[in-house]
Protein backbone atom coordinates (compact mmCIF):
# COMPACT_ATOMS: atom_id res chain seq x y z
CA UNK A 1 19.60 -42.44 -33.18
CA UNK A 2 19.48 -38.78 -34.22
CA UNK A 3 15.73 -39.04 -34.88
CA UNK A 4 15.15 -40.44 -31.38
CA UNK A 5 17.08 -37.52 -29.89
CA UNK A 6 14.86 -35.08 -31.78
CA UNK A 7 11.68 -36.81 -30.64
CA UNK A 8 12.53 -37.09 -26.95
CA UNK A 9 14.82 -34.12 -26.22
CA UNK A 10 14.67 -30.39 -26.80
CA UNK A 11 18.40 -29.67 -26.41
CA UNK A 12 19.39 -31.47 -29.64
CA UNK A 13 18.47 -28.87 -32.27
CA UNK A 14 14.68 -29.05 -32.76
CA UNK A 15 11.85 -31.19 -31.47
CA UNK A 16 9.45 -33.04 -33.72
CA UNK A 17 6.79 -30.39 -32.97
CA UNK A 18 9.10 -27.59 -34.06
CA UNK A 19 9.99 -29.55 -37.18
CA UNK A 20 6.29 -29.87 -38.11
CA UNK A 21 5.59 -26.19 -37.31
CA UNK A 22 8.56 -25.11 -39.42
CA UNK A 23 7.54 -27.31 -42.34
CA UNK A 24 3.92 -26.15 -42.50
CA UNK A 25 4.00 -22.52 -41.39
CA UNK A 26 7.60 -21.36 -41.14
CA UNK A 27 9.10 -18.92 -43.59
CA UNK A 28 12.90 -18.72 -43.49
CA UNK A 29 13.92 -15.14 -42.72
CA UNK A 30 17.67 -15.59 -42.58
CA UNK A 31 20.74 -17.44 -41.41
CA UNK A 32 23.33 -15.88 -39.10
CA UNK A 33 27.11 -16.28 -39.19
CA UNK A 34 26.90 -19.33 -36.90
CA UNK A 35 24.46 -21.22 -39.15
CA UNK A 36 21.37 -20.70 -36.97
CA UNK A 37 18.17 -20.41 -39.02
CA UNK A 38 15.46 -17.87 -38.19
CA UNK A 39 11.81 -18.38 -39.08
CA UNK A 40 8.56 -16.45 -38.89
CA UNK A 41 4.97 -17.65 -39.28
CA UNK A 42 2.13 -15.76 -40.98
CA UNK A 43 0.75 -14.89 -37.55
CA UNK A 44 4.04 -13.21 -36.61
CA UNK A 45 5.49 -15.88 -34.33
CA UNK A 46 9.30 -16.05 -34.56
CA UNK A 47 11.71 -18.84 -33.67
CA UNK A 48 15.25 -20.04 -34.23
CA UNK A 49 16.62 -23.47 -35.08
CA UNK A 50 20.15 -23.73 -33.76
CA UNK A 51 22.86 -25.31 -35.88
CA UNK A 52 24.50 -26.99 -32.90
CA UNK A 53 23.76 -26.90 -29.19
CA UNK A 54 20.54 -25.19 -28.13
CA UNK A 55 21.87 -22.23 -26.17
CA UNK A 56 20.14 -18.84 -26.13
CA UNK A 57 23.44 -16.97 -25.98
CA UNK A 58 24.33 -18.39 -29.42
CA UNK A 59 22.11 -15.72 -31.00
CA UNK A 60 24.08 -12.64 -32.16
CA UNK A 61 22.83 -9.22 -30.93
CA UNK A 62 21.23 -8.15 -34.22
CA UNK A 63 19.18 -11.37 -34.46
CA UNK A 64 18.36 -11.15 -30.75
CA UNK A 65 16.72 -7.78 -31.44
CA UNK A 66 14.73 -9.24 -34.32
CA UNK A 67 13.52 -12.39 -32.53
CA UNK A 68 12.38 -10.32 -29.50
CA UNK A 69 10.51 -7.79 -31.69
CA UNK A 70 12.85 -4.95 -30.71
CA UNK A 71 13.72 -4.32 -34.34
CA UNK A 72 11.79 -5.63 -37.34
CA UNK A 73 14.47 -4.78 -39.89
CA UNK A 74 16.34 -7.66 -41.48
CA UNK A 75 19.20 -5.66 -42.97
CA UNK A 76 21.69 -7.86 -41.14
CA UNK A 77 24.14 -8.25 -44.03
CA UNK A 78 24.48 -4.50 -44.54
CA UNK A 79 24.84 -3.68 -40.86
CA UNK A 80 28.06 -1.74 -40.32
CA UNK A 81 30.43 -3.04 -37.66
CA UNK A 82 32.29 -0.44 -35.63
CA UNK A 83 36.03 -0.75 -35.05
CA UNK A 84 35.50 -1.13 -31.30
CA UNK A 85 33.00 -4.00 -31.61
CA UNK A 86 34.15 -7.51 -30.76
CA UNK A 87 32.95 -10.68 -32.44
CA UNK A 88 29.98 -12.31 -30.67
CA UNK A 89 30.91 -15.12 -28.28
CA UNK A 90 28.27 -17.32 -26.67
CA UNK A 91 28.15 -17.96 -22.93
CA UNK A 92 31.21 -19.99 -21.91
CA UNK A 93 30.20 -20.65 -18.30
CA UNK A 94 30.96 -24.23 -17.28
CA UNK A 95 33.52 -24.76 -20.04
CA UNK A 96 37.31 -24.74 -20.06
CA UNK A 97 37.23 -21.36 -21.81
CA UNK A 98 35.16 -19.66 -19.08
CA UNK A 99 36.54 -16.49 -17.50
CA UNK A 100 38.38 -17.12 -14.25
CA UNK A 101 39.86 -14.09 -12.51
CA UNK A 102 43.42 -14.45 -11.26
CA UNK A 103 44.01 -14.14 -7.52
């Protein structure tokens, strides 16, 4: 059943096309704290394979910069966190944990 989901849907991790692309031309560049895997091809194309639900807001800010070619450095592990920084949280809209202002 999982294989059928990968063949016919894009929201269940990776499609069969992405699986083939990753196998033949993808070089693993790193894994973030959520288990998402980041790849790059020889031509410079970059992509992510999500550990769970395919949701763009699941990418932490430092990997977002890398995947969008804002920053080419991969020194993610040594990146210093400031005391005022909060832990990354993906978009919670439409869930029970979404922000709802009190009246």
